[in-house]
Amino acid sequence: MTTSALLAPSKPALQRPSLYKVIFLDDDVSTFQCVIDILVNYFDKSEDDAYECAMDIHITGSKNVGVYPKDIAETKISLAKSALKVKAYPLRIELMKSA
């Protein structure tokens, strides 16, 4: 009778998910308060941080407001766009793969 060694299956190597930037783009219609509300309600910014982000968006034309795994970023953007649609503001929010 021969015995053979049993090998336990190896665990697959886990990788961190790819990260994506959420970019807000300035427009001439969306109000400052609307941008601040979206940042506070959907992107977990404090009132002060949201105000600074809104100013940066207004001055530079765009701002990276956060870096998230793709599914989380897409969910946040979807919720924010739904709120913007209700308020009829055309604020553009884009998703860009982080380097």
PDB file of N, CA and C in Angstrom:
ATOM      1  N   MET A   1       0.832  -1.164   0.000  1.00  0.00           N
ATOM      2  CA  MET A   1       0.000   0.000   0.000  1.00  0.00           C
ATOM      3  C   MET A   1       0.885   1.239   0.000  1.00  0.00           C
ATOM      4  N   THR A   2       0.590   2.162  -0.890  1.00  0.00           N
ATOM      5  CA  THR A   2       1.376   3.398  -0.976  1.00  0.00           C
ATOM      6  C   THR A   2       0.562   4.560  -0.445  1.00  0.00           C
ATOM      7  N   THR A   3       1.257   5.473   0.087  1.00  0.00           N
ATOM      8  CA  THR A   3       0.579   6.682   0.564  1.00  0.00           C
ATOM      9  C   THR A   3       1.041   7.857  -0.279  1.00  0.00           C
ATOM     10  N   SER A   4       0.145   8.755  -0.548  1.00  0.00           N
ATOM     11  CA  SER A   4       0.513   9.948  -1.307  1.00  0.00           C
ATOM     12  C   SER A   4       0.139  11.176  -0.482  1.00  0.00           C
ATOM     13  N   ALA A   5       0.911  12.179  -0.662  1.00  0.00           N
ATOM     14  CA  ALA A   5       0.671  13.415   0.082  1.00  0.00           C
ATOM     15  C   ALA A   5      -0.468  14.182  -0.579  1.00  0.00           C
ATOM     16  N   LEU A   6      -1.371  14.647   0.230  1.00  0.00           N
ATOM     17  CA  LEU A   6      -2.456  15.484  -0.279  1.00  0.00           C
ATOM     18  C   LEU A   6      -2.051  16.940  -0.147  1.00  0.00           C
ATOM     19  N   LEU A   7      -2.213  17.664  -1.211  1.00  0.00           N
ATOM     20  CA  LEU A   7      -1.896  19.091  -1.188  1.00  0.00           C
ATOM     21  C   LEU A   7      -3.175  19.889  -0.998  1.00  0.00           C
ATOM     22  N   ALA A   8      -3.127  20.777  -0.085  1.00  0.00           N
ATOM     23  CA  ALA A   8      -4.267  21.658   0.116  1.00  0.00           C
ATOM     24  C   ALA A   8      -4.316  22.653  -1.029  1.00  0.00           C
ATOM     25  N   PRO A   9      -5.519  22.959  -1.504  1.00  0.00           N
ATOM     26  CA  PRO A   9      -5.591  23.944  -2.585  1.00  0.00           C
ATOM     27  C   PRO A   9      -5.056  25.291  -2.091  1.00  0.00           C
ATOM     28  N   SER A  10      -4.287  25.916  -2.954  1.00  0.00           N
ATOM     29  CA  SER A  10      -3.717  27.206  -2.550  1.00  0.00           C
ATOM     30  C   SER A  10      -4.753  28.314  -2.708  1.00  0.00           C
ATOM     31  N   LYS A  11      -4.631  29.286  -1.877  1.00  0.00           N
ATOM     32  CA  LYS A  11      -5.543  30.427  -1.952  1.00  0.00           C
ATOM     33  C   LYS A  11      -5.103  31.313  -3.107  1.00  0.00           C
ATOM     34  N   PRO A  12      -6.060  31.848  -3.840  1.00  0.00           N
ATOM     35  CA  PRO A  12      -5.674  32.749  -4.934  1.00  0.00           C
ATOM     36  C   PRO A  12      -5.092  34.049  -4.361  1.00  0.00           C
ATOM     37  N   ALA A  13      -4.166  34.604  -5.088  1.00  0.00           N
ATOM     38  CA  ALA A  13      -3.588  35.875  -4.659  1.00  0.00           C
ATOM     39  C   ALA A  13      -4.640  36.970  -4.811  1.00  0.00           C
ATOM     40  N   LEU A  14      -4.885  37.679  -3.743  1.00  0.00           N
ATOM     41  CA  LEU A  14      -5.876  38.748  -3.773  1.00  0.00           C
ATOM     42  C   LEU A  14      -5.220  40.042  -4.223  1.00  0.00           C
ATOM     43  N   GLN A  15      -5.951  40.790  -5.020  1.00  0.00           N
ATOM     44  CA  GLN A  15      -5.459  42.085  -5.473  1.00  0.00           C
ATOM     45  C   GLN A  15      -6.422  43.163  -5.022  1.00  0.00           C
ATOM     46  N   ARG A  16      -5.887  44.309  -4.733  1.00  0.00           N
ATOM     47  CA  ARG A  16      -6.738  45.446  -4.392  1.00  0.00           C
ATOM     48  C   ARG A  16      -7.483  45.882  -5.647  1.00  0.00           C
ATOM     49  N   PRO A  17      -8.731  46.334  -5.490  1.00  0.00           N
ATOM     50  CA  PRO A  17      -9.469  46.784  -6.673  1.00  0.00           C
ATOM     51  C   PRO A  17      -8.860  48.065  -7.240  1.00  0.00           C
ATOM     52  N   SER A  18      -9.038  48.240  -8.531  1.00  0.00           N
ATOM     53  CA  SER A  18      -8.569  49.469  -9.175  1.00  0.00           C
ATOM     54  C   SER A  18      -9.313  50.652  -8.594  1.00  0.00           C
ATOM     55  N   LEU A  19      -8.625  51.764  -8.479  1.00  0.00           N
ATOM     56  CA  LEU A  19      -9.237  52.976  -7.939  1.00  0.00           C
ATOM     57  C   LEU A  19      -9.588  53.940  -9.060  1.00  0.00           C
ATOM     58  N   TYR A  20     -10.661  54.680  -8.834  1.00  0.00           N
ATOM     59  CA  TYR A  20     -11.150  55.636  -9.823  1.00  0.00           C
ATOM     60  C   TYR A  20     -11.375  56.993  -9.170  1.00  0.00           C
ATOM     61  N   LYS A  21     -11.046  58.041  -9.924  1.00  0.00           N
ATOM     62  CA  LYS A  21     -11.255  59.411  -9.459  1.00  0.00           C
ATOM     63  C   LYS A  21     -12.661  59.857  -9.850  1.00  0.00           C
ATOM     64  N   VAL A  22     -13.299  60.604  -8.960  1.00  0.00           N
ATOM     65  CA  VAL A  22     -14.585  61.226  -9.263  1.00  0.00           C
ATOM     66  C   VAL A  22     -14.293  62.711  -9.490  1.00  0.00           C
ATOM     67  N   ILE A  23     -14.574  63.170 -10.705  1.00  0.00           N
ATOM     68  CA  ILE A  23     -14.257  64.542 -11.116  1.00  0.00           C
ATOM     69  C   ILE A  23     -15.545  65.340 -11.295  1.00  0.00           C
ATOM     70  N   PHE A  24     -15.624  66.491 -10.626  1.00  0.00           N
ATOM     71  CA  PHE A  24     -16.724  67.431 -10.817  1.00  0.00           C
ATOM     72  C   PHE A  24     -16.256  68.489 -11.812  1.00  0.00           C
ATOM     73  N   LEU A  25     -17.121  68.834 -12.765  1.00  0.00           N
ATOM     74  CA  LEU A  25     -16.800  69.847 -13.771  1.00  0.00           C
ATOM     75  C   LEU A  25     -17.715  71.056 -13.592  1.00  0.00           C
ATOM     76  N   ASP A  26     -17.130  72.236 -13.672  1.00  0.00           N
ATOM     77  CA  ASP A  26     -17.873  73.480 -13.464  1.00  0.00           C
ATOM     78  C   ASP A  26     -18.842  73.743 -14.609  1.00  0.00           C
ATOM     79  N   ASP A  27     -19.943  74.367 -14.288  1.00  0.00           N
ATOM     80  CA  ASP A  27     -20.875  74.864 -15.290  1.00  0.00           C
ATOM     81  C   ASP A  27     -21.425  76.200 -14.800  1.00  0.00           C
ATOM     82  N   ASP A  28     -22.168  76.879 -15.664  1.00  0.00           N
ATOM     83  CA  ASP A  28     -22.689  78.208 -15.319  1.00  0.00           C
ATOM     84  C   ASP A  28     -24.095  78.158 -14.717  1.00  0.00           C
ATOM     85  N   VAL A  29     -24.674  76.975 -14.553  1.00  0.00           N
ATOM     86  CA  VAL A  29     -26.058  76.869 -14.119  1.00  0.00           C
ATOM     87  C   VAL A  29     -26.177  76.345 -12.687  1.00  0.00           C
ATOM     88  N   SER A  30     -25.441  75.290 -12.356  1.00  0.00           N
ATOM     89  CA  SER A  30     -25.549  74.680 -11.024  1.00  0.00           C
ATOM     90  C   SER A  30     -25.094  75.665  -9.958  1.00  0.00           C
ATOM     91  N   THR A  31     -25.883  75.774  -8.919  1.00  0.00           N
ATOM     92  CA  THR A  31     -25.557  76.728  -7.863  1.00  0.00           C
ATOM     93  C   THR A  31     -24.473  76.179  -6.939  1.00  0.00           C
ATOM     94  N   PHE A  32     -23.839  77.091  -6.250  1.00  0.00           N
ATOM     95  CA  PHE A  32     -22.820  76.736  -5.263  1.00  0.00           C
ATOM     96  C   PHE A  32     -23.419  75.814  -4.207  1.00  0.00           C
ATOM     97  N   GLN A  33     -24.610  76.154  -3.741  1.00  0.00           N
ATOM     98  CA  GLN A  33     -25.258  75.363  -2.694  1.00  0.00           C
ATOM     99  C   GLN A  33     -25.582  73.957  -3.183  1.00  0.00           C
ATOM    100  N   CYS A  34     -25.955  73.821  -4.440  1.00  0.00           N
ATOM    101  CA  CYS A  34     -26.235  72.509  -5.013  1.00  0.00           C
ATOM    102  C   CYS A  34     -24.980  71.639  -4.985  1.00  0.00           C
ATOM    103  N   VAL A  35     -23.858  72.187  -5.402  1.00  0.00           N
ATOM    104  CA  VAL A  35     -22.589  71.448  -5.411  1.00  0.00           C
ATOM    105  C   VAL A  35     -22.209  71.051  -3.982  1.00  0.00           C
ATOM    106  N   ILE A  36     -22.350  71.975  -3.056  1.00  0.00           N
ATOM    107  CA  ILE A  36     -22.027  71.696  -1.652  1.00  0.00           C
ATOM    108  C   ILE A  36     -22.927  70.580  -1.114  1.00  0.00           C
ATOM    109  N   ASP A  37     -24.222  70.654  -1.410  1.00  0.00           N
ATOM    110  CA  ASP A  37     -25.153  69.629  -0.940  1.00  0.00           C
ATOM    111  C   ASP A  37     -24.795  68.246  -1.481  1.00  0.00           C
ATOM    112  N   ILE A  38     -24.442  68.168  -2.747  1.00  0.00           N
ATOM    113  CA  ILE A  38     -24.062  66.885  -3.350  1.00  0.00           C
ATOM    114  C   ILE A  38     -22.799  66.342  -2.681  1.00  0.00           C
ATOM    115  N   LEU A  39     -21.820  67.216  -2.462  1.00  0.00           N
ATOM    116  CA  LEU A  39     -20.574  66.777  -1.829  1.00  0.00           C
ATOM    117  C   LEU A  39     -20.793  66.297  -0.393  1.00  0.00           C
ATOM    118  N   VAL A  40     -21.646  66.978   0.336  1.00  0.00           N
ATOM    119  CA  VAL A  40     -21.925  66.597   1.732  1.00  0.00           C
ATOM    120  C   VAL A  40     -22.744  65.310   1.782  1.00  0.00           C
ATOM    121  N   ASN A  41     -23.800  65.238   0.982  1.00  0.00           N
ATOM    122  CA  ASN A  41     -24.735  64.115   1.062  1.00  0.00           C
ATOM    123  C   ASN A  41     -24.234  62.817   0.432  1.00  0.00           C
ATOM    124  N   TYR A  42     -23.439  62.911  -0.630  1.00  0.00           N
ATOM    125  CA  TYR A  42     -23.061  61.699  -1.359  1.00  0.00           C
ATOM    126  C   TYR A  42     -21.563  61.396  -1.351  1.00  0.00           C
ATOM    127  N   PHE A  43     -20.738  62.378  -1.000  1.00  0.00           N
ATOM    128  CA  PHE A  43     -19.292  62.156  -1.029  1.00  0.00           C
ATOM    129  C   PHE A  43     -18.642  62.372   0.337  1.00  0.00           C
ATOM    130  N   ASP A  44     -19.464  62.376   1.382  1.00  0.00           N
ATOM    131  CA  ASP A  44     -18.999  62.395   2.774  1.00  0.00           C
ATOM    132  C   ASP A  44     -18.037  63.538   3.097  1.00  0.00           C
ATOM    133  N   LYS A  45     -18.281  64.696   2.526  1.00  0.00           N
ATOM    134  CA  LYS A  45     -17.475  65.886   2.835  1.00  0.00           C
ATOM    135  C   LYS A  45     -18.147  66.671   3.957  1.00  0.00           C
ATOM    136  N   SER A  46     -17.337  67.330   4.759  1.00  0.00           N
ATOM    137  CA  SER A  46     -17.891  68.247   5.746  1.00  0.00           C
ATOM    138  C   SER A  46     -18.343  69.505   5.008  1.00  0.00           C
ATOM    139  N   GLU A  47     -19.109  70.338   5.674  1.00  0.00           N
ATOM    140  CA  GLU A  47     -19.560  71.593   5.047  1.00  0.00           C
ATOM    141  C   GLU A  47     -18.371  72.442   4.606  1.00  0.00           C
ATOM    142  N   ASP A  48     -17.346  72.532   5.453  1.00  0.00           N
ATOM    143  CA  ASP A  48     -16.171  73.343   5.128  1.00  0.00           C
ATOM    144  C   ASP A  48     -15.399  72.763   3.941  1.00  0.00           C
ATOM    145  N   ASP A  49     -15.191  71.440   3.945  1.00  0.00           N
ATOM    146  CA  ASP A  49     -14.484  70.800   2.836  1.00  0.00           C
ATOM    147  C   ASP A  49     -15.282  70.932   1.537  1.00  0.00           C
ATOM    148  N   ALA A  50     -16.593  70.784   1.631  1.00  0.00           N
ATOM    149  CA  ALA A  50     -17.444  70.913   0.451  1.00  0.00           C
ATOM    150  C   ALA A  50     -17.380  72.327  -0.121  1.00  0.00           C
ATOM    151  N   TYR A  51     -17.357  73.325   0.758  1.00  0.00           N
ATOM    152  CA  TYR A  51     -17.252  74.714   0.293  1.00  0.00           C
ATOM    153  C   TYR A  51     -15.926  74.926  -0.431  1.00  0.00           C
ATOM    154  N   GLU A  52     -14.829  74.414   0.150  1.00  0.00           N
ATOM    155  CA  GLU A  52     -13.510  74.552  -0.497  1.00  0.00           C
ATOM    156  C   GLU A  52     -13.487  73.847  -1.849  1.00  0.00           C
ATOM    157  N   CYS A  53     -14.079  72.661  -1.923  1.00  0.00           N
ATOM    158  CA  CYS A  53     -14.148  71.932  -3.199  1.00  0.00           C
ATOM    159  C   CYS A  53     -14.952  72.722  -4.229  1.00  0.00           C
ATOM    160  N   ALA A  54     -16.095  73.258  -3.810  1.00  0.00           N
ATOM    161  CA  ALA A  54     -16.940  74.035  -4.721  1.00  0.00           C
ATOM    162  C   ALA A  54     -16.189  75.256  -5.243  1.00  0.00           C
ATOM    163  N   MET A  55     -15.423  75.903  -4.374  1.00  0.00           N
ATOM    164  CA  MET A  55     -14.610  77.057  -4.809  1.00  0.00           C
ATOM    165  C   MET A  55     -13.560  76.626  -5.829  1.00  0.00           C
ATOM    166  N   ASP A  56     -12.886  75.514  -5.542  1.00  0.00           N
ATOM    167  CA  ASP A  56     -11.872  75.002  -6.480  1.00  0.00           C
ATOM    168  C   ASP A  56     -12.492  74.647  -7.824  1.00  0.00           C
ATOM    169  N   ILE A  57     -13.671  74.034  -7.801  1.00  0.00           N
ATOM    170  CA  ILE A  57     -14.363  73.690  -9.049  1.00  0.00           C
ATOM    171  C   ILE A  57     -14.686  74.955  -9.829  1.00  0.00           C
ATOM    172  N   HIS A  58     -15.168  75.968  -9.134  1.00  0.00           N
ATOM    173  CA  HIS A  58     -15.526  77.235  -9.768  1.00  0.00           C
ATOM    174  C   HIS A  58     -14.299  77.934 -10.362  1.00  0.00           C
ATOM    175  N   ILE A  59     -13.202  77.945  -9.638  1.00  0.00           N
ATOM    176  CA  ILE A  59     -12.002  78.670 -10.071  1.00  0.00           C
ATOM    177  C   ILE A  59     -11.234  77.918 -11.164  1.00  0.00           C
ATOM    178  N   THR A  60     -11.028  76.606 -10.967  1.00  0.00           N
ATOM    179  CA  THR A  60     -10.183  75.860 -11.906  1.00  0.00           C
ATOM    180  C   THR A  60     -10.972  75.160 -13.009  1.00  0.00           C
ATOM    181  N   GLY A  61     -12.269  74.993 -12.824  1.00  0.00           N
ATOM    182  CA  GLY A  61     -13.083  74.348 -13.844  1.00  0.00           C
ATOM    183  C   GLY A  61     -13.370  72.880 -13.565  1.00  0.00           C
ATOM    184  N   SER A  62     -12.562  72.256 -12.728  1.00  0.00           N
ATOM    185  CA  SER A  62     -12.819  70.858 -12.364  1.00  0.00           C
ATOM    186  C   SER A  62     -12.060  70.530 -11.087  1.00  0.00           C
ATOM    187  N   LYS A  63     -12.471  69.432 -10.448  1.00  0.00           N
ATOM    188  CA  LYS A  63     -11.799  69.013  -9.208  1.00  0.00           C
ATOM    189  C   LYS A  63     -12.042  67.537  -8.978  1.00  0.00           C
ATOM    190  N   ASN A  64     -10.989  66.859  -8.552  1.00  0.00           N
ATOM    191  CA  ASN A  64     -11.097  65.479  -8.109  1.00  0.00           C
ATOM    192  C   ASN A  64     -11.636  65.538  -6.677  1.00  0.00           C
ATOM    193  N   VAL A  65     -12.834  65.014  -6.463  1.00  0.00           N
ATOM    194  CA  VAL A  65     -13.443  65.099  -5.133  1.00  0.00           C
ATOM    195  C   VAL A  65     -13.276  63.826  -4.314  1.00  0.00           C
ATOM    196  N   GLY A  66     -12.692  62.798  -4.915  1.00  0.00           N
ATOM    197  CA  GLY A  66     -12.456  61.567  -4.170  1.00  0.00           C
ATOM    198  C   GLY A  66     -11.957  60.448  -5.066  1.00  0.00           C
ATOM    199  N   VAL A  67     -11.329  59.457  -4.433  1.00  0.00           N
ATOM    200  CA  VAL A  67     -10.833  58.280  -5.142  1.00  0.00           C
ATOM    201  C   VAL A  67     -11.433  57.059  -4.459  1.00  0.00           C
ATOM    202  N   TYR A  68     -12.108  56.228  -5.256  1.00  0.00           N
ATOM    203  CA  TYR A  68     -12.857  55.097  -4.722  1.00  0.00           C
ATOM    204  C   TYR A  68     -12.690  53.878  -5.628  1.00  0.00           C
ATOM    205  N   PRO A  69     -12.963  52.675  -5.109  1.00  0.00           N
ATOM    206  CA  PRO A  69     -13.087  51.515  -6.001  1.00  0.00           C
ATOM    207  C   PRO A  69     -14.228  51.786  -6.990  1.00  0.00           C
ATOM    208  N   LYS A  70     -14.152  51.170  -8.151  1.00  0.00           N
ATOM    209  CA  LYS A  70     -15.085  51.491  -9.236  1.00  0.00           C
ATOM    210  C   LYS A  70     -16.552  51.360  -8.837  1.00  0.00           C
ATOM    211  N   ASP A  71     -16.931  50.271  -8.180  1.00  0.00           N
ATOM    212  CA  ASP A  71     -18.342  50.087  -7.863  1.00  0.00           C
ATOM    213  C   ASP A  71     -18.858  51.136  -6.884  1.00  0.00           C
ATOM    214  N   ILE A  72     -18.031  51.527  -5.936  1.00  0.00           N
ATOM    215  CA  ILE A  72     -18.432  52.566  -4.977  1.00  0.00           C
ATOM    216  C   ILE A  72     -18.534  53.916  -5.678  1.00  0.00           C
ATOM    217  N   ALA A  73     -17.556  54.228  -6.531  1.00  0.00           N
ATOM    218  CA  ALA A  73     -17.581  55.490  -7.275  1.00  0.00           C
ATOM    219  C   ALA A  73     -18.819  55.576  -8.161  1.00  0.00           C
ATOM    220  N   GLU A  74     -19.128  54.483  -8.863  1.00  0.00           N
ATOM    221  CA  GLU A  74     -20.297  54.489  -9.744  1.00  0.00           C
ATOM    222  C   GLU A  74     -21.596  54.663  -8.957  1.00  0.00           C
ATOM    223  N   THR A  75     -21.666  54.045  -7.790  1.00  0.00           N
ATOM    224  CA  THR A  75     -22.866  54.184  -6.957  1.00  0.00           C
ATOM    225  C   THR A  75     -23.022  55.621  -6.481  1.00  0.00           C
ATOM    226  N   LYS A  76     -21.937  56.220  -5.985  1.00  0.00           N
ATOM    227  CA  LYS A  76     -21.988  57.612  -5.516  1.00  0.00           C
ATOM    228  C   LYS A  76     -22.396  58.545  -6.651  1.00  0.00           C
ATOM    229  N   ILE A  77     -21.824  58.347  -7.823  1.00  0.00           N
ATOM    230  CA  ILE A  77     -22.145  59.193  -8.976  1.00  0.00           C
ATOM    231  C   ILE A  77     -23.608  59.016  -9.375  1.00  0.00           C
ATOM    232  N   SER A  78     -24.087  57.793  -9.389  1.00  0.00           N
ATOM    233  CA  SER A  78     -25.478  57.519  -9.756  1.00  0.00           C
ATOM    234  C   SER A  78     -26.450  58.209  -8.796  1.00  0.00           C
ATOM    235  N   LEU A  79     -26.186  58.100  -7.504  1.00  0.00           N
ATOM    236  CA  LEU A  79     -27.044  58.755  -6.515  1.00  0.00           C
ATOM    237  C   LEU A  79     -27.004  60.277  -6.666  1.00  0.00           C
ATOM    238  N   ALA A  80     -25.804  60.813  -6.880  1.00  0.00           N
ATOM    239  CA  ALA A  80     -25.658  62.262  -7.039  1.00  0.00           C
ATOM    240  C   ALA A  80     -26.387  62.747  -8.291  1.00  0.00           C
ATOM    241  N   LYS A  81     -26.248  62.010  -9.401  1.00  0.00           N
ATOM    242  CA  LYS A  81     -26.908  62.414 -10.642  1.00  0.00           C
ATOM    243  C   LYS A  81     -28.430  62.345 -10.517  1.00  0.00           C
ATOM    244  N   SER A  82     -28.923  61.386  -9.762  1.00  0.00           N
ATOM    245  CA  SER A  82     -30.371  61.308  -9.533  1.00  0.00           C
ATOM    246  C   SER A  82     -30.860  62.540  -8.786  1.00  0.00           C
ATOM    247  N   ALA A  83     -30.110  62.955  -7.765  1.00  0.00           N
ATOM    248  CA  ALA A  83     -30.477  64.151  -7.006  1.00  0.00           C
ATOM    249  C   ALA A  83     -30.387  65.394  -7.885  1.00  0.00           C
ATOM    250  N   LEU A  84     -29.377  65.456  -8.741  1.00  0.00           N
ATOM    251  CA  LEU A  84     -29.231  66.608  -9.636  1.00  0.00           C
ATOM    252  C   LEU A  84     -30.376  66.665 -10.641  1.00  0.00           C
ATOM    253  N   LYS A  85     -30.808  65.510 -11.110  1.00  0.00           N
ATOM    254  CA  LYS A  85     -31.904  65.468 -12.079  1.00  0.00           C
ATOM    255  C   LYS A  85     -33.193  66.009 -11.460  1.00  0.00           C
ATOM    256  N   VAL A  86     -33.441  65.662 -10.199  1.00  0.00           N
ATOM    257  CA  VAL A  86     -34.633  66.155  -9.498  1.00  0.00           C
ATOM    258  C   VAL A  86     -34.586  67.674  -9.390  1.00  0.00           C
ATOM    259  N   LYS A  87     -33.397  68.215  -9.120  1.00  0.00           N
ATOM    260  CA  LYS A  87     -33.245  69.660  -8.970  1.00  0.00           C
ATOM    261  C   LYS A  87     -33.049  70.367 -10.304  1.00  0.00           C
ATOM    262  N   ALA A  88     -32.915  69.611 -11.390  1.00  0.00           N
ATOM    263  CA  ALA A  88     -32.727  70.128 -12.750  1.00  0.00           C
ATOM    264  C   ALA A  88     -31.431  70.918 -12.905  1.00  0.00           C
ATOM    265  N   TYR A  89     -30.361  70.439 -12.287  1.00  0.00           N
ATOM    266  CA  TYR A  89     -29.043  71.058 -12.456  1.00  0.00           C
ATOM    267  C   TYR A  89     -28.180  70.170 -13.345  1.00  0.00           C
ATOM    268  N   PRO A  90     -27.440  70.787 -14.292  1.00  0.00           N
ATOM    269  CA  PRO A  90     -26.653  70.001 -15.248  1.00  0.00           C
ATOM    270  C   PRO A  90     -25.209  69.714 -14.807  1.00  0.00           C
ATOM    271  N   LEU A  91     -24.925  69.741 -13.520  1.00  0.00           N
ATOM    272  CA  LEU A  91     -23.558  69.507 -13.047  1.00  0.00           C
ATOM    273  C   LEU A  91     -23.029  68.189 -13.603  1.00  0.00           C
ATOM    274  N   ARG A  92     -21.845  68.256 -14.245  1.00  0.00           N
ATOM    275  CA  ARG A  92     -21.242  67.047 -14.797  1.00  0.00           C
ATOM    276  C   ARG A  92     -20.317  66.413 -13.781  1.00  0.00           C
ATOM    277  N   ILE A  93     -20.471  65.116 -13.612  1.00  0.00           N
ATOM    278  CA  ILE A  93     -19.614  64.333 -12.724  1.00  0.00           C
ATOM    279  C   ILE A  93     -19.077  63.174 -13.565  1.00  0.00           C
ATOM    280  N   GLU A  94     -17.752  63.052 -13.609  1.00  0.00           N
ATOM    281  CA  GLU A  94     -17.141  62.020 -14.426  1.00  0.00           C
ATOM    282  C   GLU A  94     -16.300  61.070 -13.603  1.00  0.00           C
ATOM    283  N   LEU A  95     -16.061  59.910 -14.147  1.00  0.00           N
ATOM    284  CA  LEU A  95     -15.266  58.872 -13.528  1.00  0.00           C
ATOM    285  C   LEU A  95     -14.014  58.667 -14.365  1.00  0.00           C
ATOM    286  N   MET A  96     -12.839  58.669 -13.721  1.00  0.00           N
ATOM    287  CA  MET A  96     -11.585  58.488 -14.445  1.00  0.00           C
ATOM    288  C   MET A  96     -10.698  57.518 -13.675  1.00  0.00           C
ATOM    289  N   LYS A  97     -10.121  56.570 -14.371  1.00  0.00           N
ATOM    290  CA  LYS A  97      -9.251  55.600 -13.717  1.00  0.00           C
ATOM    291  C   LYS A  97      -8.038  56.315 -13.143  1.00  0.00           C
ATOM    292  N   SER A  98      -7.747  55.988 -11.897  1.00  0.00           N
ATOM    293  CA  SER A  98      -6.615  56.603 -11.203  1.00  0.00           C
ATOM    294  C   SER A  98      -5.334  55.927 -11.671  1.00  0.00           C
ATOM    295  N   ALA A  99      -4.296  56.715 -11.775  1.00  0.00           N
ATOM    296  CA  ALA A  99      -2.999  56.179 -12.249  1.00  0.00           C
ATOM    297  C   ALA A  99      -2.311  55.343 -11.218  1.00  0.00           C
TER     298      ALA A  99
END
